[in-house]
C-alpha atoms as a PDB file:
ATOM      1  CA  MET A   1     -42.193  11.980   7.572  1.00  0.00           C
ATOM      2  CA  LYS A   2     -38.673  11.890   8.989  1.00  0.00           C
ATOM      3  CA  LEU A   3     -36.692   9.587  11.248  1.00  0.00           C
ATOM      4  CA  PRO A   4     -36.977   8.686  14.072  1.00  0.00           C
ATOM      5  CA  LEU A   5     -40.472   7.210  13.787  1.00  0.00           C
ATOM      6  CA  GLU A   6     -42.651   4.355  14.958  1.00  0.00           C
ATOM      7  CA  ALA A   7     -45.173   2.497  12.813  1.00  0.00           C
ATOM      8  CA  HIS A   8     -48.275   0.691  14.097  1.00  0.00           C
ATOM      9  CA  GLY A   9     -49.892  -2.146  12.194  1.00  0.00           C
ATOM     10  CA  ILE A  10     -51.112  -5.730  12.021  1.00  0.00           C
ATOM     11  CA  ALA A  11     -48.713  -8.623  11.439  1.00  0.00           C
ATOM     12  CA  GLN A  12     -49.728 -11.933   9.852  1.00  0.00           C
ATOM     13  CA  ARG A  13     -47.684 -14.934  10.920  1.00  0.00           C
ATOM     14  CA  ASP A  14     -47.532 -18.732  10.910  1.00  0.00           C
ATOM     15  CA  GLU A  15     -45.690 -21.171  13.162  1.00  0.00           C
ATOM     16  CA  ASP A  16     -42.399 -20.321  11.438  1.00  0.00           C
ATOM     17  CA  GLY A  17     -42.602 -16.553  11.822  1.00  0.00           C
ATOM     18  CA  LEU A  18     -43.873 -13.384  10.177  1.00  0.00           C
ATOM     19  CA  LEU A  19     -45.474 -13.462   6.728  1.00  0.00           C
ATOM     20  CA  SER A  20     -46.645  -9.913   6.103  1.00  0.00           C
ATOM     21  CA  ILE A  21     -47.364  -6.626   7.857  1.00  0.00           C
ATOM     22  CA  SER A  22     -50.020  -4.017   7.173  1.00  0.00           C
ATOM     23  CA  TYR A  23     -48.918  -0.678   8.653  1.00  0.00           C
ATOM     24  CA  GLN A  24     -51.659   1.878   9.298  1.00  0.00           C
ATOM     25  CA  GLU A  25     -50.147   4.654  11.426  1.00  0.00           C
ATOM     26  CA  PHE A  26     -46.789   6.433  11.427  1.00  0.00           C
ATOM     27  CA  LEU A  27     -45.781   8.649  14.343  1.00  0.00           C
ATOM     28  CA  PRO A  28     -42.742  10.461  15.752  1.00  0.00           C
ATOM     29  CA  THR A  29     -41.151   8.434  18.547  1.00  0.00           C
ATOM     30  CA  ASP A  30     -39.109   8.898  21.708  1.00  0.00           C
ATOM     31  CA  SER A  31     -37.562   5.441  21.353  1.00  0.00           C
ATOM     32  CA  HIS A  32     -33.783   5.318  21.016  1.00  0.00           C
ATOM     33  CA  LYS A  33     -33.336   1.897  19.398  1.00  0.00           C
ATOM     34  CA  ASN A  34     -34.402   0.152  16.202  1.00  0.00           C
ATOM     35  CA  GLY A  35     -36.645  -2.856  16.798  1.00  0.00           C
ATOM     36  CA  PHE A  36     -40.236  -4.044  17.084  1.00  0.00           C
ATOM     37  CA  GLN A  37     -42.844  -5.253  19.587  1.00  0.00           C
ATOM     38  CA  LEU A  38     -45.477  -7.918  18.893  1.00  0.00           C
ATOM     39  CA  GLU A  39     -48.551  -7.843  21.118  1.00  0.00           C
ATOM     40  CA  ASN A  40     -49.231 -11.595  20.981  1.00  0.00           C
ATOM     41  CA  GLU A  41     -46.566 -13.795  19.406  1.00  0.00           C
ATOM     42  CA  ASN A  42     -48.777 -16.892  19.596  1.00  0.00           C
ATOM     43  CA  SER A  43     -51.545 -15.453  17.426  1.00  0.00           C
ATOM     44  CA  ASN A  44     -51.742 -15.630  13.621  1.00  0.00           C
ATOM     45  CA  SER A  45     -52.690 -11.946  13.596  1.00  0.00           C
ATOM     46  CA  SER A  46     -51.012  -9.573  16.045  1.00  0.00           C
ATOM     47  CA  LYS A  47     -50.656  -5.853  16.602  1.00  0.00           C
ATOM     48  CA  ILE A  48     -47.104  -4.694  15.972  1.00  0.00           C
ATOM     49  CA  ILE A  49     -45.094  -1.542  16.610  1.00  0.00           C
ATOM     50  CA  THR A  50     -41.859  -1.097  14.666  1.00  0.00           C
ATOM     51  CA  TYR A  51     -39.273   1.523  15.610  1.00  0.00           C
ATOM     52  CA  LEU A  52     -36.970   3.046  12.999  1.00  0.00           C
ATOM     53  CA  ILE A  53     -34.526   5.396  14.709  1.00  0.00           C
ATOM     54  CA  ASP A  54     -31.537   5.381  12.392  1.00  0.00           C
ATOM     55  CA  ASP A  55     -31.171   4.027   8.886  1.00  0.00           C
ATOM     56  CA  GLN A  56     -29.067   0.886   9.295  1.00  0.00           C
ATOM     57  CA  PRO A  57     -28.905  -2.281   7.142  1.00  0.00           C
ATOM     58  CA  ILE A  58     -32.061  -4.347   7.579  1.00  0.00           C
ATOM     59  CA  GLU A  59     -31.965  -6.989  10.323  1.00  0.00           C
ATOM     60  CA  ASP A  60     -35.599  -8.133  10.629  1.00  0.00           C
ATOM     61  CA  ILE A  61     -38.820  -8.542   8.654  1.00  0.00           C
ATOM     62  CA  PRO A  62     -40.771  -5.674  10.316  1.00  0.00           C
ATOM     63  CA  THR A  63     -38.042  -3.175   9.425  1.00  0.00           C
ATOM     64  CA  ALA A  64     -37.934  -4.463   5.835  1.00  0.00           C
ATOM     65  CA  TRP A  65     -41.681  -4.023   5.467  1.00  0.00           C
ATOM     66  CA  LEU A  66     -41.595  -0.599   7.100  1.00  0.00           C
ATOM     67  CA  LYS A  67     -38.972   0.692   4.683  1.00  0.00           C
ATOM     68  CA  LEU A  68     -40.939  -0.650   1.708  1.00  0.00           C
ATOM     69  CA  TYR A  69     -44.034   1.123   3.040  1.00  0.00           C
ATOM     70  CA  LEU A  70     -42.158   4.403   3.486  1.00  0.00           C
ATOM     71  CA  LEU A  71     -41.111   4.270  -0.167  1.00  0.00           C
ATOM     72  CA  SER A  72     -44.537   3.438  -1.588  1.00  0.00           C
ATOM     73  CA  LEU A  73     -46.213   6.057   0.628  1.00  0.00           C
ATOM     74  CA  ARG A  74     -43.818   8.659  -0.852  1.00  0.00           C
ATOM     75  CA  PHE A  75     -42.247   9.526   2.504  1.00  0.00           C
ATOM     76  CA  PHE A  76     -38.820   8.701   1.026  1.00  0.00           C
ATOM     77  CA  ARG A  77     -37.578   8.510  -2.555  1.00  0.00           C
ATOM     78  CA  PRO A  78     -35.625   5.595  -4.053  1.00  0.00           C
ATOM     79  CA  ASN A  79     -32.035   5.336  -2.783  1.00  0.00           C
ATOM     80  CA  GLN A  80     -32.786   7.436   0.320  1.00  0.00           C
ATOM     81  CA  LEU A  81     -33.154   4.394   2.616  1.00  0.00           C
ATOM     82  CA  ASN A  82     -30.630   1.658   3.389  1.00  0.00           C
ATOM     83  CA  LEU A  83     -32.093  -1.598   2.036  1.00  0.00           C
ATOM     84  CA  ASP A  84     -28.995  -3.765   2.461  1.00  0.00           C
ATOM     85  CA  ASN A  85     -29.805  -7.373   3.499  1.00  0.00           C
ATOM     86  CA  ILE A  86     -33.457  -7.165   2.430  1.00  0.00           C
ATOM     87  CA  PHE A  87     -33.244 -10.298   0.259  1.00  0.00           C
ATOM     88  CA  SER A  88     -31.683 -12.381   3.017  1.00  0.00           C
ATOM     89  CA  VAL A  89     -34.252 -11.170   5.581  1.00  0.00           C
ATOM     90  CA  LEU A  90     -37.508 -11.576   3.629  1.00  0.00           C
ATOM     91  CA  PRO A  91     -38.891 -15.122   3.169  1.00  0.00           C
ATOM     92  CA  ASN A  92     -40.295 -16.380  -0.124  1.00  0.00           C
ATOM     93  CA  ILE A  93     -44.074 -16.064   0.089  1.00  0.00           C
ATOM     94  CA  ALA A  94     -46.995 -17.217  -2.037  1.00  0.00           C
ATOM     95  CA  TRP A  95     -49.404 -14.295  -2.435  1.00  0.00           C
ATOM     96  CA  THR A  96     -52.750 -16.049  -2.793  1.00  0.00           C
ATOM     97  CA  SER A  97     -56.504 -15.585  -2.712  1.00  0.00           C
ATOM     98  CA  ASN A  98     -56.301 -16.802   0.903  1.00  0.00           C
ATOM     99  CA  GLY A  99     -53.602 -14.315   1.864  1.00  0.00           C
ATOM    100  CA  PRO A 100     -49.837 -14.823   2.248  1.00  0.00           C
ATOM    101  CA  ILE A 101     -48.625 -18.422   2.641  1.00  0.00           C
ATOM    102  CA  ARG A 102     -45.036 -19.504   3.162  1.00  0.00           C
ATOM    103  CA  ALA A 103     -43.776 -21.117  -0.052  1.00  0.00           C
ATOM    104  CA  GLU A 104     -42.721 -24.333   1.725  1.00  0.00           C
ATOM    105  CA  SER A 105     -46.278 -24.754   3.055  1.00  0.00           C
ATOM    106  CA  LEU A 106     -47.963 -24.790  -0.358  1.00  0.00           C
ATOM    107  CA  HIS A 107     -47.617 -28.474  -1.200  1.00  0.00           C
ATOM    108  CA  GLY A 108     -50.502 -29.663   0.951  1.00  0.00           C
ATOM    109  CA  LEU A 109     -52.776 -26.873  -0.285  1.00  0.00           C
ATOM    110  CA  LEU A 110     -52.520 -27.283  -4.052  1.00  0.00           C
ATOM    111  CA  THR A 111     -55.452 -29.721  -4.160  1.00  0.00           C
ATOM    112  CA  ASP A 112     -57.724 -26.869  -3.054  1.00  0.00           C
ATOM    113  CA  GLU A 113     -59.328 -25.800  -6.336  1.00  0.00           C
ATOM    114  CA  THR A 114     -60.436 -22.479  -4.847  1.00  0.00           C
ATOM    115  CA  LEU A 115     -56.863 -21.413  -4.002  1.00  0.00           C
ATOM    116  CA  LYS A 116     -55.397 -18.981  -6.520  1.00  0.00           C
ATOM    117  CA  ILE A 117     -51.669 -18.203  -6.417  1.00  0.00           C
ATOM    118  CA  TYR A 118     -51.021 -14.738  -7.826  1.00  0.00           C
ATOM    119  CA  ALA A 119     -47.287 -14.537  -7.188  1.00  0.00           C
ATOM    120  CA  LEU A 120     -44.411 -16.406  -5.545  1.00  0.00           C
ATOM    121  CA  ASP A 121     -42.016 -13.708  -4.414  1.00  0.00           C
ATOM    122  CA  LYS A 122     -40.344 -11.999  -1.474  1.00  0.00           C
ATOM    123  CA  PHE A 123     -42.195  -8.774  -2.329  1.00  0.00           C
ATOM    124  CA  PRO A 124     -45.986  -8.519  -2.654  1.00  0.00           C
ATOM    125  CA  PRO A 125     -47.753  -6.462  -5.309  1.00  0.00           C
ATOM    126  CA  MET A 126     -47.857  -2.906  -3.991  1.00  0.00           C
ATOM    127  CA  THR A 127     -51.612  -2.498  -4.420  1.00  0.00           C
ATOM    128  CA  ASP A 128     -52.311  -5.383  -2.023  1.00  0.00           C
ATOM    129  CA  TYR A 129     -51.214  -2.967   0.719  1.00  0.00           C
ATOM    130  CA  ILE A 130     -50.940   0.583  -0.681  1.00  0.00           C
ATOM    131  CA  VAL A 131     -52.815   2.450  -3.419  1.00  0.00           C
ATOM    132  CA  PRO A 132     -51.088   5.803  -4.028  1.00  0.00           C
ATOM    133  CA  GLU A 133     -53.252   8.771  -4.914  1.00  0.00           C
ATOM    134  CA  GLY A 134     -53.354   9.899  -8.524  1.00  0.00           C
ATOM    135  CA  VAL A 135     -51.874   6.905 -10.355  1.00  0.00           C
ATOM    136  CA  ARG A 136     -53.111   4.359 -12.893  1.00  0.00           C
ATOM    137  CA  ILE A 137     -51.763   0.800 -12.964  1.00  0.00           C
ATOM    138  CA  ALA A 138     -53.102  -1.435 -15.732  1.00  0.00           C
ATOM    139  CA  ASP A 139     -51.648  -4.652 -14.240  1.00  0.00           C
ATOM    140  CA  SER A 140     -51.053  -4.280 -10.510  1.00  0.00           C
ATOM    141  CA  SER A 141     -48.980  -7.480 -10.295  1.00  0.00           C
ATOM    142  CA  ARG A 142     -46.182  -5.640 -12.118  1.00  0.00           C
ATOM    143  CA  VAL A 143     -45.537  -3.074  -9.386  1.00  0.00           C
ATOM    144  CA  ARG A 144     -43.776  -4.365  -6.272  1.00  0.00           C
ATOM    145  CA  LEU A 145     -44.272  -3.002  -2.769  1.00  0.00           C
ATOM    146  CA  GLY A 146     -41.472  -0.498  -2.272  1.00  0.00           C
ATOM    147  CA  ALA A 147     -42.059   1.203  -5.624  1.00  0.00           C
ATOM    148  CA  TYR A 148     -42.415   4.990  -5.543  1.00  0.00           C
ATOM    149  CA  LEU A 149     -45.058   6.281  -7.962  1.00  0.00           C
ATOM    150  CA  GLY A 150     -45.460  10.049  -8.190  1.00  0.00           C
ATOM    151  CA  LYS A 151     -48.853  11.624  -8.799  1.00  0.00           C
ATOM    152  CA  GLY A 152     -49.881  11.455 -12.448  1.00  0.00           C
ATOM    153  CA  THR A 153     -47.956   8.255 -13.186  1.00  0.00           C
ATOM    154  CA  THR A 154     -49.515   5.767 -15.598  1.00  0.00           C
ATOM    155  CA  ILE A 155     -48.168   2.194 -15.672  1.00  0.00           C
ATOM    156  CA  MET A 156     -49.428   0.320 -18.719  1.00  0.00           C
ATOM    157  CA  HIS A 157     -49.772  -3.471 -18.983  1.00  0.00           C
ATOM    158  CA  GLU A 158     -46.151  -4.113 -20.006  1.00  0.00           C
ATOM    159  CA  GLY A 159     -44.702  -1.615 -17.543  1.00  0.00           C
ATOM    160  CA  PHE A 160     -42.867  -2.871 -14.452  1.00  0.00           C
ATOM    161  CA  VAL A 161     -41.604  -1.017 -11.386  1.00  0.00           C
ATOM    162  CA  ASN A 162     -39.287  -2.731  -8.905  1.00  0.00           C
ATOM    163  CA  TYR A 163     -38.911  -1.865  -5.233  1.00  0.00           C
ATOM    164  CA  ASN A 164     -36.610   1.102  -4.502  1.00  0.00           C
ATOM    165  CA  ALA A 165     -37.417   2.484  -7.947  1.00  0.00           C
ATOM    166  CA  GLY A 166     -40.018   4.773  -9.383  1.00  0.00           C
ATOM    167  CA  THR A 167     -41.270   7.956 -10.950  1.00  0.00           C
ATOM    168  CA  GLU A 168     -41.585  11.607 -10.036  1.00  0.00           C
ATOM    169  CA  GLY A 169     -44.855  11.936 -11.959  1.00  0.00           C
ATOM    170  CA  PRO A 170     -46.470  12.583 -14.279  1.00  0.00           C
ATOM    171  CA  ASN A 171     -44.981   9.782 -16.392  1.00  0.00           C
ATOM    172  CA  MET A 172     -45.993   7.190 -18.961  1.00  0.00           C
ATOM    173  CA  ILE A 173     -44.380   3.830 -18.215  1.00  0.00           C
ATOM    174  CA  GLU A 174     -44.618   0.972 -20.712  1.00  0.00           C
ATOM    175  CA  GLY A 175     -41.142  -0.401 -19.952  1.00  0.00           C
ATOM    176  CA  ARG A 176     -39.134  -1.663 -16.987  1.00  0.00           C
ATOM    177  CA  ILE A 177     -37.880   0.505 -14.127  1.00  0.00           C
ATOM    178  CA  SER A 178     -35.248  -1.592 -12.348  1.00  0.00           C
ATOM    179  CA  ALA A 179     -34.239  -1.338  -8.692  1.00  0.00           C
ATOM    180  CA  GLY A 180     -32.484   1.920  -7.885  1.00  0.00           C
ATOM    181  CA  VAL A 181     -33.731   3.754 -10.990  1.00  0.00           C
ATOM    182  CA  PHE A 182     -35.733   6.988 -10.685  1.00  0.00           C
ATOM    183  CA  VAL A 183     -37.526   8.624 -13.618  1.00  0.00           C
ATOM    184  CA  GLY A 184     -38.040  12.393 -13.712  1.00  0.00           C
ATOM    185  CA  LYS A 185     -41.348  14.084 -14.461  1.00  0.00           C
ATOM    186  CA  ASP A 186     -42.851  14.224 -17.955  1.00  0.00           C
ATOM    187  CA  SER A 187     -40.699  11.331 -19.216  1.00  0.00           C
ATOM    188  CA  ASP A 188     -41.948   8.328 -21.186  1.00  0.00           C
ATOM    189  CA  LEU A 189     -40.563   4.771 -21.187  1.00  0.00           C
ATOM    190  CA  GLY A 190     -41.799   3.132 -24.381  1.00  0.00           C
ATOM    191  CA  GLY A 191     -43.107  -0.410 -24.732  1.00  0.00           C
ATOM    192  CA  GLY A 192     -40.517  -3.082 -23.931  1.00  0.00           C
ATOM    193  CA  SER A 193     -37.844  -0.569 -22.923  1.00  0.00           C
ATOM    194  CA  SER A 194     -35.557  -1.219 -19.964  1.00  0.00           C
ATOM    195  CA  THR A 195     -33.301   0.519 -17.481  1.00  0.00           C
ATOM    196  CA  MET A 196     -30.285  -1.281 -16.039  1.00  0.00           C
ATOM    197  CA  GLY A 197     -30.537  -1.771 -12.278  1.00  0.00           C
ATOM    198  CA  THR A 198     -27.955  -2.504  -9.604  1.00  0.00           C
ATOM    199  CA  LEU A 199     -29.208  -5.894  -8.351  1.00  0.00           C
ATOM    200  CA  SER A 200     -27.450  -8.140 -10.856  1.00  0.00           C
ATOM    201  CA  GLY A 201     -25.044  -8.112 -13.757  1.00  0.00           C
ATOM    202  CA  GLY A 202     -22.304  -6.272 -11.930  1.00  0.00           C
ATOM    203  CA  ASN A 203     -23.704  -2.803 -12.632  1.00  0.00           C
ATOM    204  CA  LYS A 204     -22.768  -0.437  -9.795  1.00  0.00           C
ATOM    205  CA  GLU A 205     -23.865   2.759 -11.514  1.00  0.00           C
ATOM    206  CA  VAL A 206     -27.188   4.098 -10.198  1.00  0.00           C
ATOM    207  CA  ILE A 207     -29.238   4.991 -13.257  1.00  0.00           C
ATOM    208  CA  SER A 208     -31.624   7.921 -13.456  1.00  0.00           C
ATOM    209  CA  VAL A 209     -33.777   9.390 -16.200  1.00  0.00           C
ATOM    210  CA  GLY A 210     -34.200  13.156 -16.283  1.00  0.00           C
ATOM    211  CA  GLU A 211     -37.245  15.235 -17.147  1.00  0.00           C
ATOM    212  CA  ARG A 212     -38.968  15.255 -20.562  1.00  0.00           C
ATOM    213  CA  CYS A 213     -37.070  12.204 -21.818  1.00  0.00           C
ATOM    214  CA  LEU A 214     -38.250   9.538 -24.240  1.00  0.00           C
ATOM    215  CA  LEU A 215     -36.880   6.006 -24.126  1.00  0.00           C
ATOM    216  CA  GLY A 216     -38.125   4.447 -27.346  1.00  0.00           C
ATOM    217  CA  ALA A 217     -39.833   1.070 -27.670  1.00  0.00           C
ATOM    218  CA  ASN A 218     -37.435  -1.826 -26.943  1.00  0.00           C
ATOM    219  CA  ALA A 219     -34.624   0.614 -26.142  1.00  0.00           C
ATOM    220  CA  GLY A 220     -32.496   0.376 -23.014  1.00  0.00           C
ATOM    221  CA  ILE A 221     -29.973   2.326 -20.987  1.00  0.00           C
ATOM    222  CA  GLY A 222     -27.051   1.473 -18.747  1.00  0.00           C
ATOM    223  CA  ILE A 223     -26.202   5.155 -18.330  1.00  0.00           C
ATOM    224  CA  SER A 224     -28.199   8.037 -16.876  1.00  0.00           C
ATOM    225  CA  LEU A 225     -30.106  10.430 -19.086  1.00  0.00           C
ATOM    226  CA  GLY A 226     -30.142  14.126 -18.281  1.00  0.00           C
ATOM    227  CA  ASN A 227     -33.139  16.310 -19.099  1.00  0.00           C
ATOM    228  CA  ASP A 228     -34.601  16.435 -22.619  1.00  0.00           C
ATOM    229  CA  CYS A 229     -32.953  13.277 -23.982  1.00  0.00           C
ATOM    230  CA  THR A 230     -34.256  10.710 -26.462  1.00  0.00           C
ATOM    231  CA  VAL A 231     -33.039   7.169 -27.137  1.00  0.00           C
ATOM    232  CA  GLU A 232     -34.129   5.761 -30.491  1.00  0.00           C
ATOM    233  CA  ALA A 233     -36.403   2.712 -30.487  1.00  0.00           C
ATOM    234  CA  GLY A 234     -34.464  -0.551 -30.332  1.00  0.00           C
ATOM    235  CA  LEU A 235     -31.165   1.007 -29.242  1.00  0.00           C
ATOM    236  CA  TYR A 236     -29.540  -0.318 -26.048  1.00  0.00           C
ATOM    237  CA  ILE A 237     -26.771   1.878 -24.650  1.00  0.00           C
ATOM    238  CA  THR A 238     -24.448   0.393 -22.031  1.00  0.00           C
ATOM    239  CA  ALA A 239     -21.707   2.292 -20.207  1.00  0.00           C
ATOM    240  CA  GLY A 240     -19.088   0.878 -22.579  1.00  0.00           C
ATOM    241  CA  THR A 241     -20.953   1.515 -25.836  1.00  0.00           C
ATOM    242  CA  LYS A 242     -18.829   3.502 -28.297  1.00  0.00           C
ATOM    243  CA  VAL A 243     -20.754   6.629 -29.283  1.00  0.00           C
ATOM    244  CA  THR A 244     -19.874   8.915 -32.185  1.00  0.00           C
ATOM    245  CA  ILE A 245     -20.543  12.572 -31.338  1.00  0.00           C
ATOM    246  CA  LEU A 246     -21.523  13.985 -34.688  1.00  0.00           C
ATOM    247  CA  ASP A 247     -20.815  17.667 -34.014  1.00  0.00           C
ATOM    248  CA  ASP A 248     -17.258  16.951 -32.850  1.00  0.00           C
ATOM    249  CA  ASN A 249     -16.674  13.873 -35.018  1.00  0.00           C
ATOM    250  CA  LYS A 250     -15.123  12.018 -32.094  1.00  0.00           C
ATOM    251  CA  VAL A 251     -15.842   8.697 -30.405  1.00  0.00           C
ATOM    252  CA  VAL A 252     -16.358   8.347 -26.635  1.00  0.00           C
ATOM    253  CA  LYS A 253     -17.656   5.732 -24.244  1.00  0.00           C
ATOM    254  CA  ALA A 254     -21.320   6.313 -23.428  1.00  0.00           C
ATOM    255  CA  LEU A 255     -20.406   6.633 -19.740  1.00  0.00           C
ATOM    256  CA  GLU A 256     -18.782   9.988 -20.559  1.00  0.00           C
ATOM    257  CA  LEU A 257     -22.195  11.264 -21.677  1.00  0.00           C
ATOM    258  CA  SER A 258     -24.068   9.903 -18.649  1.00  0.00           C
ATOM    259  CA  GLY A 259     -26.395  12.480 -17.107  1.00  0.00           C
ATOM    260  CA  LYS A 260     -25.870  15.137 -19.786  1.00  0.00           C
ATOM    261  CA  ASP A 261     -28.878  17.096 -21.045  1.00  0.00           C
ATOM    262  CA  GLY A 262     -30.376  17.485 -24.499  1.00  0.00           C
ATOM    263  CA  ILE A 263     -28.961  14.489 -26.371  1.00  0.00           C
ATOM    264  CA  LEU A 264     -30.539  12.380 -29.103  1.00  0.00           C
ATOM    265  CA  TYR A 265     -29.063   8.859 -29.237  1.00  0.00           C
ATOM    266  CA  PHE A 266     -29.601   6.847 -32.422  1.00  0.00           C
ATOM    267  CA  ARG A 267     -28.001   4.195 -34.627  1.00  0.00           C
ATOM    268  CA  ASP A 268     -26.906   5.217 -38.114  1.00  0.00           C
ATOM    269  CA  SER A 269     -28.860   2.866 -40.373  1.00  0.00           C
ATOM    270  CA  LEU A 270     -26.070   2.815 -42.993  1.00  0.00           C
ATOM    271  CA  SER A 271     -22.912   2.432 -40.905  1.00  0.00           C
ATOM    272  CA  GLY A 272     -24.416   0.791 -37.815  1.00  0.00           C
ATOM    273  CA  LYS A 273     -22.600   3.269 -35.553  1.00  0.00           C
ATOM    274  CA  VAL A 274     -24.257   4.519 -32.371  1.00  0.00           C
ATOM    275  CA  CYS A 275     -24.412   8.308 -32.655  1.00  0.00           C
ATOM    276  CA  ALA A 276     -25.283  11.282 -30.481  1.00  0.00           C
ATOM    277  CA  LYS A 277     -26.260  14.798 -31.434  1.00  0.00           C
ATOM    278  CA  PRO A 278     -28.009  17.754 -29.783  1.00  0.00           C
ATOM    279  CA  LYS A 279     -31.750  17.234 -29.493  1.00  0.00           C
ATOM    280  CA  LYS A 280     -33.658  20.181 -30.925  1.00  0.00           C
ATOM    281  CA  SER A 281     -37.311  19.139 -30.692  1.00  0.00           C
ATOM    282  CA  GLU A 282     -39.177  19.185 -27.372  1.00  0.00           C
ATOM    283  CA  PHE A 283     -40.909  16.075 -26.035  1.00  0.00           C
ATOM    284  CA  LYS A 284     -44.239  16.435 -24.206  1.00  0.00           C
ATOM    285  CA  LEU A 285     -46.505  13.897 -22.533  1.00  0.00           C
ATOM    286  CA  ASN A 286     -50.157  13.785 -23.556  1.00  0.00           C
ATOM    287  CA  LYS A 287     -51.721  15.542 -20.550  1.00  0.00           C
ATOM    288  CA  VAL A 288     -55.119  13.958 -21.190  1.00  0.00           C
ATOM    289  CA  LEU A 289     -53.656  10.577 -20.211  1.00  0.00           C
ATOM    290  CA  HIS A 290     -52.420  11.765 -16.814  1.00  0.00           C
ATOM    291  CA  ASP A 291     -54.533  14.654 -15.485  1.00  0.00           C
ATOM    292  CA  ASN A 292     -57.473  12.549 -14.281  1.00  0.00           C
ATOM    293  CA  ASN A 293     -55.622   9.637 -12.658  1.00  0.00           C
END
């Protein structure tokens, strides 16, 4: 699917505006302008057509939802769509057993013992709207709409995938994939591991993980990994971390190694230094865990 396009769906709304949109059909379009059309603005459930002609910063809720859909449906990969302004455009919503409810409207409903609130967030769980083919998700609340999950991806209970982030597949994910991060095929993020995103903390570097990489349990990265890299369990590498390259016996900032292939990162248990050396062994996923997703 390429731009320009139009998307047809059903919009849920309350008296204050749109709450959610379920898009069902995506077509080429002859329209020349971004925007949307609601069939009946006075109804709580209305047919909607959203037009996406060129990829501009987000100005309205239908466009925000459409771009999240395009990511989770694998039409576009993370960082291929302009998602600027999405936080200011999307309202905070309670995702409940009775459907989406504006957060400010909850107070009068909390006495209803049958109402279950599953999340209070601007982004719904992806599987409330899209279930990609060939994936396993142990806890669906931990994958936001707008995540891109490639075929063969397994997300275990402690795994998390933000919007505009994801996996090429197959992958084993037991750690956190932050916004903007993309993980190459056959890589494994161990339990409690993390990747530094671009939403907070001042990090402007877009992080990626190459193919056949292993990020050990409770490890983390603020640099990109090339192909065939391993980060030892418990080791967090930021861009400014001083790394000793054993073969050359020199010290560099980790940023200088960002994106390079075939590196084993570890901490010397005697000196405490963070070290890097060529990785000689090959990492492979257990195919049995991914072939029948």
